[in-house]
Amino acid sequence: MAPPRPATILHADLDAFYASVEQLLDPSLRARPIAVGGGVVLAASYEARAFGVGAGMPGWRARQLCPSLLFVGGHFSDYQRLADEVMAVLDAFTPLVERISIDEAFLDVAGSIHLFGSPTHIAEAIRRRVRAEIGLPVSIGVARTKHLAKVASQVAKPDGLVVVAPQSESEFLAHLPVELMWGVGPVTRARLADAGIHTIGDLAAAPTALLDRLLGKAVGAKLSALATNIDARRIETTRRASSMGAQAALGRRAATAGLVRSTLGYLADRVAGRLRAAGWAGRTLTVRVRFTGLRSVTRSATLPVPISATLTLTELATELAGAALAAHPREHEITLLAVSVGNLVPEPALQLELPLDPGDDRYRPRTARDAARWVVDRSVDAVRARFGHDAVRYATVMFSDVQRVPEAFRELAEHAALKPQS
């Protein structure tokens, strides 16, 4: 058996990034419990987290938990600028950098050891440079796989470094809570806990049949492999995006026609805007509906031509979601809706067609109706580019109660979603 590859994967994760930037820009906020946002907490400093304040929490609840909490507005351009400066530091140590969000990235430093020393020395050097040159704290995990490096960086927080040697991987993972793993959210954690599975070691030892019953075969097999540190993924410095998508978590809501339409309109607006900004359109639209208990169903449609029109995507997504709900008449509540557009190609220039095709032309972007939508979309895009995303909205989005997070914050969170490349 070949020996395991050495621990040369680093996961660098800026600590409480948005809140740390606010404390960097205004030194009077340092060591104080702060939250970025207002009606909802977008990010919280570690001082605020000590009181139980967390991202996504309603502002009133955060103030109950921490009466001294100070809300601050977000400096979105500074978030982007400083995060890019951190990524430039990482690039100085290796060309194998995979940025997975605005404030975190994986590195493979196997080829840099002869220049900068061991992976541990490289991680220490990165932390020193980010602190000295940019002024932000960063935690780093060093391990043999991407999954384990990410877990290690979470253990290292705040402002720390954890190195996991290959011979101590099982021992390191055994007693850690399962929620540190990729793919284990609150619902999955609760399901595992009900079965007596609380730690990663418990998960690694769980019978396959039990995990299949609790989570389904695909999810169960994936988490079981990660629990034993089986992760063959390599660093991807360039990725071709095969689709663009967005989703909205709804809690537990009655699956009314109004909720479905308004939510899908919001999601279609986000996806279509990103498609047009990148110069792409797609032929396949997929809608996912998640019911209570993690049960999900998807419906897809492939069109004769690629589209990127907001209202067209909204209409088709609503039809697909309606078909999914009709096929499950016993499901009355939904917890999540998601929209994605695949089969991406460069968006063609608009050219009207003569109505000679006797087939269904509802989703053909070259009809007179959809030509008008093409013009409206680009007018909306132009207004938003000049005055901000919230300057103009489609009616389905304007009257929806789904959007609670500023669009500028969403754009930053989606920064690492790479545009398709030819």
Protein backbone atom coordinates (compact mmCIF):
# COMPACT_ATOMS: atom_id res chain seq x y z
CA MET A 1 0.00 0.00 0.00
CA ALA A 2 1.32 3.42 -0.97
CA PRO A 3 1.96 5.78 1.95
CA PRO A 4 -0.57 8.61 2.37
CA ARG A 5 0.34 11.85 0.74
CA PRO A 6 1.85 14.39 3.17
CA ALA A 7 -0.09 17.15 4.89
CA THR A 8 0.39 19.93 2.33
CA ILE A 9 -3.17 21.26 2.01
CA LEU A 10 -3.92 24.53 3.81
CA HIS A 11 -7.31 26.06 4.47
CA ALA A 12 -7.08 29.76 5.30
CA ASP A 13 -10.21 31.38 6.75
CA LEU A 14 -10.41 35.00 7.87
CA ASP A 15 -11.90 35.27 11.36
CA ALA A 16 -15.33 36.94 11.67
CA PHE A 17 -14.37 38.67 8.45
CA TYR A 18 -17.01 41.38 8.03
CA ALA A 19 -16.98 42.31 11.71
CA SER A 20 -13.16 42.22 11.79
CA VAL A 21 -13.04 44.65 8.86
CA GLU A 22 -15.37 47.04 10.69
CA GLN A 23 -13.11 46.88 13.75
CA LEU A 24 -10.08 47.46 11.55
CA LEU A 25 -11.64 50.52 9.90
CA ASP A 26 -12.84 51.96 13.24
CA PRO A 27 -10.43 51.11 16.08
CA SER A 28 -13.00 52.29 18.65
CA LEU A 29 -15.00 49.15 17.84
CA ARG A 30 -12.21 46.75 18.78
CA ALA A 31 -12.93 44.37 21.66
CA ARG A 32 -16.58 45.42 21.58
CA PRO A 33 -19.58 43.25 20.66
CA ILE A 34 -20.63 44.44 17.21
CA ALA A 35 -22.87 43.15 14.46
CA VAL A 36 -23.02 44.12 10.81
CA GLY A 37 -26.60 44.74 9.73
CA GLY A 38 -29.71 46.02 11.46
CA GLY A 39 -32.99 44.16 10.96
CA VAL A 40 -30.98 40.97 10.66
CA VAL A 41 -27.45 40.10 11.76
CA LEU A 42 -25.24 39.70 8.69
CA ALA A 43 -22.11 39.02 10.73
CA ALA A 44 -21.07 39.20 14.37
CA SER A 45 -17.75 39.78 16.11
CA TYR A 46 -16.39 37.14 18.46
CA GLU A 47 -17.26 39.44 21.36
CA ALA A 48 -20.90 39.31 20.23
CA ARG A 49 -20.79 35.58 19.52
CA ALA A 50 -19.88 35.01 23.16
CA PHE A 51 -23.44 36.13 23.97
CA GLY A 52 -24.97 33.78 21.41
CA VAL A 53 -25.37 36.33 18.62
CA GLY A 54 -24.98 34.76 15.18
CA ALA A 55 -25.43 35.47 11.48
CA GLY A 56 -29.01 35.29 10.26
CA MET A 57 -30.46 36.16 13.67
CA PRO A 58 -33.18 38.86 13.83
CA GLY A 59 -31.85 42.12 15.20
CA TRP A 60 -34.33 42.22 18.09
CA ARG A 61 -33.22 38.79 19.27
CA ALA A 62 -29.55 39.74 19.04
CA ARG A 63 -30.20 42.81 21.22
CA GLN A 64 -32.01 40.63 23.77
CA LEU A 65 -29.01 38.33 24.03
CA CYS A 66 -26.49 41.17 24.12
CA PRO A 67 -27.90 44.51 25.34
CA SER A 68 -24.56 46.23 24.69
CA LEU A 69 -24.51 45.06 21.05
CA LEU A 70 -23.61 47.77 18.56
CA PHE A 71 -24.94 47.49 15.00
CA VAL A 72 -22.80 48.97 12.24
CA GLY A 73 -23.39 49.44 8.54
CA GLY A 74 -21.45 47.36 6.07
CA HIS A 75 -18.51 48.78 4.07
CA PHE A 76 -18.92 46.41 1.14
CA SER A 77 -16.24 47.90 -1.10
CA ASP A 78 -13.72 47.59 1.73
CA TYR A 79 -14.69 43.97 2.30
CA GLN A 80 -13.89 43.18 -1.31
CA ARG A 81 -10.67 45.21 -1.37
CA LEU A 82 -9.23 43.72 1.80
CA ALA A 83 -10.24 40.16 0.92
CA ASP A 84 -8.52 40.52 -2.44
CA GLU A 85 -5.38 41.76 -0.68
CA VAL A 86 -5.39 38.64 1.50
CA MET A 87 -5.73 36.42 -1.57
CA ALA A 88 -2.72 38.21 -3.09
CA VAL A 89 -0.69 37.15 -0.04
CA LEU A 90 -1.73 33.54 -0.57
CA ASP A 91 -0.78 33.76 -4.25
CA ALA A 92 2.72 34.82 -3.21
CA PHE A 93 3.32 31.38 -1.66
CA THR A 94 1.83 29.08 -4.31
CA PRO A 95 -0.02 29.28 -7.61
CA LEU A 96 -2.31 26.47 -6.40
CA VAL A 97 -4.92 28.59 -4.63
CA GLU A 98 -8.63 27.72 -4.76
CA ARG A 99 -10.78 30.55 -3.49
CA ILE A 100 -14.09 29.17 -2.28
CA SER A 101 -15.63 32.34 -0.83
CA ILE A 102 -14.72 35.95 -0.34
CA ASP A 103 -12.84 35.21 2.88
CA GLU A 104 -11.51 31.64 2.59
CA ALA A 105 -9.35 29.57 0.29
CA PHE A 106 -7.50 26.28 -0.05
CA LEU A 107 -3.81 26.09 -0.95
CA ASP A 108 -1.58 23.21 -2.01
CA VAL A 109 1.98 24.06 -0.94
CA ALA A 110 3.67 20.78 -1.91
CA GLY A 111 5.64 22.55 -4.62
CA SER A 112 6.59 25.49 -2.40
CA ILE A 113 8.35 23.64 0.41
CA HIS A 114 11.80 24.03 -1.16
CA LEU A 115 11.26 27.82 -1.29
CA PHE A 116 9.48 28.63 1.97
CA GLY A 117 9.96 25.67 4.28
CA SER A 118 7.51 23.18 5.70
CA PRO A 119 3.71 23.59 5.35
CA THR A 120 3.64 24.65 8.99
CA HIS A 121 6.24 27.36 8.36
CA ILE A 122 4.29 28.53 5.31
CA ALA A 123 1.08 28.75 7.33
CA GLU A 124 2.84 30.73 10.04
CA ALA A 125 4.31 33.09 7.44
CA ILE A 126 0.92 33.66 5.85
CA ARG A 127 -0.65 34.50 9.20
CA ARG A 128 2.14 36.95 10.03
CA ARG A 129 1.93 38.70 6.67
CA VAL A 130 -1.87 39.00 6.70
CA ARG A 131 -1.77 40.46 10.18
CA ALA A 132 1.16 42.83 9.52
CA GLU A 133 0.28 43.99 5.99
CA ILE A 134 -3.53 43.99 6.11
CA GLY A 135 -4.38 44.00 9.79
CA LEU A 136 -6.77 41.05 9.85
CA PRO A 137 -6.70 37.77 11.81
CA VAL A 138 -6.72 34.54 9.84
CA SER A 139 -6.98 30.95 11.04
CA ILE A 140 -5.32 28.16 9.09
CA GLY A 141 -5.68 24.40 9.12
CA VAL A 142 -2.98 22.16 7.64
CA ALA A 143 -3.78 18.58 6.71
CA ARG A 144 -3.57 15.89 4.07
CA THR A 145 -7.04 16.51 2.57
CA LYS A 146 -9.26 19.49 1.87
CA HIS A 147 -11.97 18.30 4.25
CA LEU A 148 -9.59 17.80 7.14
CA ALA A 149 -7.81 21.11 6.51
CA LYS A 150 -11.15 22.92 6.69
CA VAL A 151 -12.10 21.15 9.90
CA ALA A 152 -8.69 22.02 11.34
CA SER A 153 -9.12 25.70 10.51
CA GLN A 154 -12.44 25.72 12.38
CA VAL A 155 -10.75 24.16 15.41
CA ALA A 156 -8.00 26.80 15.14
CA LYS A 157 -10.43 29.71 15.44
CA PRO A 158 -10.09 32.40 16.43
CA ASP A 159 -6.72 33.55 15.09
CA GLY A 160 -4.95 30.20 15.34
CA LEU A 161 -3.13 27.44 13.50
CA VAL A 162 -3.80 23.70 13.71
CA VAL A 163 -1.67 21.10 11.92
CA VAL A 164 -2.95 17.53 11.61
CA ALA A 165 -0.23 14.97 10.92
CA PRO A 166 -1.28 11.99 8.73
CA GLN A 167 -0.68 9.50 11.53
CA SER A 168 -3.00 11.33 13.95
CA GLU A 169 -6.00 12.01 11.69
CA SER A 170 -8.41 9.52 13.26
CA GLU A 171 -7.49 10.61 16.76
CA PHE A 172 -7.95 14.27 15.83
CA LEU A 173 -11.40 13.75 14.28
CA ALA A 174 -12.80 11.26 16.77
CA HIS A 175 -14.04 13.63 19.47
CA LEU A 176 -15.01 16.64 17.34
CA PRO A 177 -18.72 17.47 16.94
CA VAL A 178 -20.30 16.39 13.66
CA GLU A 179 -21.42 19.95 12.87
CA LEU A 180 -17.83 20.84 12.00
CA MET A 181 -18.13 18.68 8.89
CA TRP A 182 -19.06 19.90 5.44
CA GLY A 183 -22.71 19.17 4.78
CA VAL A 184 -23.85 18.83 8.39
CA GLY A 185 -26.30 21.63 9.16
CA PRO A 186 -28.74 21.96 12.06
CA VAL A 187 -31.29 19.53 10.60
CA THR A 188 -28.74 16.83 9.79
CA ARG A 189 -27.05 17.31 13.16
CA ALA A 190 -30.40 16.82 14.93
CA ARG A 191 -31.15 13.67 12.95
CA LEU A 192 -27.77 12.22 13.80
CA ALA A 193 -28.14 13.20 17.45
CA ASP A 194 -31.49 11.40 17.65
CA ALA A 195 -29.59 8.24 16.60
CA GLY A 196 -26.89 8.80 19.22
CA ILE A 197 -24.33 10.16 16.74
CA HIS A 198 -22.73 13.28 18.19
CA THR A 199 -19.07 13.17 17.18
CA ILE A 200 -17.21 12.54 13.95
CA GLY A 201 -15.91 9.35 15.52
CA ASP A 202 -19.49 8.23 16.15
CA LEU A 203 -20.28 8.93 12.51
CA ALA A 204 -17.25 7.00 11.27
CA ALA A 205 -18.34 3.96 13.28
CA ALA A 206 -22.03 4.13 12.32
CA PRO A 207 -23.42 1.25 10.23
CA THR A 208 -24.06 2.03 6.59
CA ALA A 209 -27.67 0.88 6.85
CA LEU A 210 -28.33 3.34 9.67
CA LEU A 211 -26.87 6.30 7.75
CA ASP A 212 -28.80 5.30 4.63
CA ARG A 213 -32.02 5.33 6.64
CA LEU A 214 -31.25 8.63 8.37
CA LEU A 215 -29.77 10.62 5.50
CA GLY A 216 -30.27 8.70 2.28
CA LYS A 217 -27.63 6.65 0.47
CA ALA A 218 -25.83 9.50 -1.29
CA VAL A 219 -25.52 11.83 1.70
CA GLY A 220 -24.85 8.99 4.11
CA ALA A 221 -22.03 7.59 1.99
CA LYS A 222 -20.47 11.02 1.52
CA LEU A 223 -20.46 11.90 5.21
CA SER A 224 -19.23 8.45 6.20
CA ALA A 225 -16.26 8.84 3.84
CA LEU A 226 -15.42 12.31 5.13
CA ALA A 227 -15.66 11.08 8.73
CA THR A 228 -12.81 8.69 7.94
CA ASN A 229 -10.97 11.39 5.97
CA ILE A 230 -11.53 9.80 2.57
CA ASP A 231 -11.43 12.85 0.32
CA ALA A 232 -9.72 12.66 -3.06
CA ARG A 233 -10.50 16.22 -4.14
CA ARG A 234 -7.57 18.29 -5.35
CA ILE A 235 -7.05 22.02 -5.49
CA GLU A 236 -8.89 23.52 -8.46
CA THR A 237 -7.41 26.84 -9.53
CA THR A 238 -9.81 27.21 -12.45
CA ARG A 239 -13.24 25.72 -12.72
CA ARG A 240 -15.76 25.82 -15.49
CA ALA A 241 -19.13 26.61 -14.00
CA SER A 242 -21.72 24.33 -15.55
CA SER A 243 -24.61 26.20 -13.95
CA MET A 244 -25.60 29.23 -11.92
CA GLY A 245 -28.14 29.02 -9.14
CA ALA A 246 -29.60 30.46 -5.97
CA GLN A 247 -31.72 29.16 -3.12
CA ALA A 248 -33.87 30.53 -0.30
CA ALA A 249 -34.37 28.82 3.05
CA LEU A 250 -37.93 29.43 4.22
CA GLY A 251 -38.14 27.81 7.62
CA ARG A 252 -41.45 25.90 7.61
CA ARG A 253 -43.98 27.68 5.43
CA ALA A 254 -47.29 26.69 3.90
CA ALA A 255 -46.74 25.99 0.21
CA THR A 256 -49.08 28.70 -1.06
CA ALA A 257 -49.08 29.84 -4.67
CA GLY A 258 -48.16 33.36 -3.56
CA LEU A 259 -45.13 32.23 -1.55
CA VAL A 260 -43.87 29.99 -4.35
CA ARG A 261 -44.29 32.65 -7.04
CA SER A 262 -42.71 35.48 -5.05
CA THR A 263 -39.79 33.35 -3.85
CA LEU A 264 -39.05 31.98 -7.30
CA GLY A 265 -39.32 35.48 -8.73
CA TYR A 266 -36.69 36.64 -6.27
CA LEU A 267 -34.41 33.71 -7.06
CA ALA A 268 -34.90 34.03 -10.83
CA ASP A 269 -34.00 37.72 -10.60
CA ARG A 270 -30.75 36.89 -8.83
CA VAL A 271 -29.78 34.11 -11.22
CA ALA A 272 -30.79 35.92 -14.40
CA GLY A 273 -28.90 39.05 -13.36
CA ARG A 274 -25.75 37.05 -12.72
CA LEU A 275 -26.12 35.28 -16.06
CA ARG A 276 -26.46 38.53 -17.98
CA ALA A 277 -23.60 40.16 -16.09
CA ALA A 278 -21.37 37.26 -17.11
CA GLY A 279 -22.63 37.26 -20.69
CA TRP A 280 -24.21 33.81 -20.46
CA ALA A 281 -27.57 32.17 -21.01
CA GLY A 282 -28.76 28.64 -20.31
CA ARG A 283 -31.01 26.01 -21.86
CA THR A 284 -31.84 23.90 -18.79
CA LEU A 285 -33.75 25.22 -15.79
CA THR A 286 -33.97 23.12 -12.62
CA VAL A 287 -36.16 23.84 -9.61
CA ARG A 288 -35.72 22.08 -6.28
CA VAL A 289 -38.42 21.99 -3.63
CA ARG A 290 -37.53 20.79 -0.16
CA PHE A 291 -40.26 19.61 2.17
CA THR A 292 -40.01 19.03 5.91
CA GLY A 293 -37.75 16.21 7.02
CA LEU A 294 -35.11 16.96 4.34
CA ARG A 295 -37.24 15.38 1.60
CA SER A 296 -36.54 17.09 -1.73
CA VAL A 297 -37.86 16.83 -5.27
CA THR A 298 -36.50 18.42 -8.44
CA ARG A 299 -38.05 19.24 -11.79
CA SER A 300 -36.14 20.32 -14.90
CA ALA A 301 -36.93 21.57 -18.38
CA THR A 302 -34.61 21.97 -21.35
CA LEU A 303 -35.52 24.66 -23.86
CA PRO A 304 -34.81 24.84 -27.59
CA VAL A 305 -32.73 27.99 -27.15
CA PRO A 306 -30.77 29.49 -24.21
CA ILE A 307 -32.46 32.16 -22.10
CA SER A 308 -31.53 34.69 -19.42
CA ALA A 309 -34.75 36.72 -19.14
CA THR A 310 -35.89 37.25 -15.55
CA LEU A 311 -39.62 37.01 -16.14
CA THR A 312 -39.29 34.03 -18.46
CA LEU A 313 -37.21 32.16 -15.87
CA THR A 314 -39.77 33.11 -13.21
CA GLU A 315 -42.68 31.74 -15.22
CA LEU A 316 -40.96 28.48 -16.09
CA ALA A 317 -39.68 28.00 -12.54
CA THR A 318 -43.19 28.52 -11.18
CA GLU A 319 -44.56 25.90 -13.59
CA LEU A 320 -41.90 23.39 -12.57
CA ALA A 321 -42.45 24.00 -8.86
CA GLY A 322 -46.20 23.63 -9.37
CA ALA A 323 -45.65 20.26 -11.04
CA ALA A 324 -43.43 19.14 -8.17
CA LEU A 325 -46.02 20.14 -5.57
CA ALA A 326 -48.86 18.55 -7.52
CA ALA A 327 -46.95 15.26 -7.56
CA HIS A 328 -46.74 15.33 -3.75
CA PRO A 329 -50.24 16.30 -2.59
CA ARG A 330 -49.61 15.16 0.98
CA GLU A 331 -46.83 17.71 1.43
CA HIS A 332 -48.30 20.97 2.68
CA GLU A 333 -45.18 22.73 3.95
CA ILE A 334 -41.90 23.63 2.25
CA THR A 335 -38.60 24.65 3.80
CA LEU A 336 -36.51 25.64 0.76
CA LEU A 337 -36.79 26.60 -2.89
CA ALA A 338 -33.84 26.60 -5.29
CA VAL A 339 -33.38 27.59 -8.93
CA SER A 340 -30.44 26.80 -11.20
CA VAL A 341 -29.75 27.34 -14.89
CA GLY A 342 -27.46 24.90 -16.69
CA ASN A 343 -26.23 24.09 -20.19
CA LEU A 344 -24.62 27.52 -20.26
CA VAL A 345 -23.46 29.10 -23.49
CA PRO A 346 -22.40 32.63 -24.46
CA GLU A 347 -25.56 34.71 -24.70
CA PRO A 348 -26.44 35.32 -28.36
CA ALA A 349 -27.27 38.74 -29.70
CA LEU A 350 -30.98 39.40 -30.03
CA GLN A 351 -32.40 38.77 -33.49
CA LEU A 352 -36.16 38.60 -34.06
CA GLU A 353 -37.59 35.53 -35.74
CA LEU A 354 -40.60 35.26 -38.02
CA PRO A 355 -43.41 33.29 -36.29
CA LEU A 356 -43.11 30.30 -38.60
CA ASP A 357 -42.58 27.61 -35.98
CA PRO A 358 -45.98 26.08 -35.07
CA GLY A 359 -44.56 24.76 -31.79
CA ASP A 360 -44.68 26.27 -28.30
CA ASP A 361 -42.92 29.64 -28.48
CA ARG A 362 -43.53 30.77 -24.90
CA TYR A 363 -39.86 30.52 -24.01
CA ARG A 364 -38.30 31.51 -27.31
CA PRO A 365 -36.33 34.72 -26.61
CA ARG A 366 -36.65 35.95 -30.20
CA THR A 367 -40.40 36.47 -30.25
CA ALA A 368 -41.76 40.02 -29.99
CA ARG A 369 -42.88 39.48 -26.39
CA ASP A 370 -39.55 38.19 -25.22
CA ALA A 371 -37.70 40.83 -27.22
CA ALA A 372 -39.51 43.37 -25.03
CA ARG A 373 -38.38 41.46 -21.94
CA TRP A 374 -34.82 41.52 -23.27
CA VAL A 375 -34.99 45.32 -23.43
CA VAL A 376 -36.55 45.61 -19.95
CA ASP A 377 -33.92 43.37 -18.38
CA ARG A 378 -31.07 45.40 -19.79
CA SER A 379 -32.69 48.64 -18.69
CA VAL A 380 -33.00 47.22 -15.18
CA ASP A 381 -29.37 46.07 -15.30
CA ALA A 382 -28.23 49.55 -16.38
CA VAL A 383 -30.14 51.28 -13.57
CA ARG A 384 -28.76 48.85 -10.99
CA ALA A 385 -25.22 49.27 -12.28
CA ARG A 386 -25.46 53.02 -11.75
CA PHE A 387 -27.62 53.37 -8.65
CA GLY A 388 -27.38 50.00 -6.88
CA HIS A 389 -29.32 46.76 -6.99
CA ASP A 390 -32.20 48.01 -4.85
CA ALA A 391 -32.86 51.02 -7.09
CA VAL A 392 -35.32 49.01 -9.20
CA ARG A 393 -37.00 45.65 -8.69
CA TYR A 394 -39.51 43.44 -10.39
CA ALA A 395 -42.93 43.43 -8.73
CA THR A 396 -42.64 39.79 -7.67
CA VAL A 397 -39.50 40.69 -5.76
CA MET A 398 -40.71 44.05 -4.44
CA PHE A 399 -43.65 42.47 -2.62
CA SER A 400 -41.85 39.35 -1.49
CA ASP A 401 -40.90 38.87 2.16
CA VAL A 402 -38.04 36.54 1.23
CA GLN A 403 -35.25 39.06 0.75
CA ARG A 404 -33.88 40.07 4.13
CA VAL A 405 -30.20 40.41 3.27
CA PRO A 406 -28.82 43.41 1.32
CA GLU A 407 -27.97 42.49 -2.24
CA ALA A 408 -24.45 43.90 -1.84
CA PHE A 409 -23.85 41.38 0.92
CA ARG A 410 -25.17 38.54 -1.25
CA GLU A 411 -22.91 39.59 -4.10
CA LEU A 412 -19.89 39.40 -1.81
CA ALA A 413 -20.96 36.01 -0.49
CA GLU A 414 -21.22 34.74 -4.06
CA HIS A 415 -17.91 36.28 -5.13
CA ALA A 416 -16.14 32.97 -5.38
CA ALA A 417 -18.68 31.49 -7.76
CA LEU A 418 -16.52 31.54 -10.85
CA LYS A 419 -17.88 32.63 -14.21
CA PRO A 420 -17.95 30.01 -16.93
CA GLN A 421 -14.78 29.94 -18.99
CA SER A 422 -14.36 28.94 -22.59
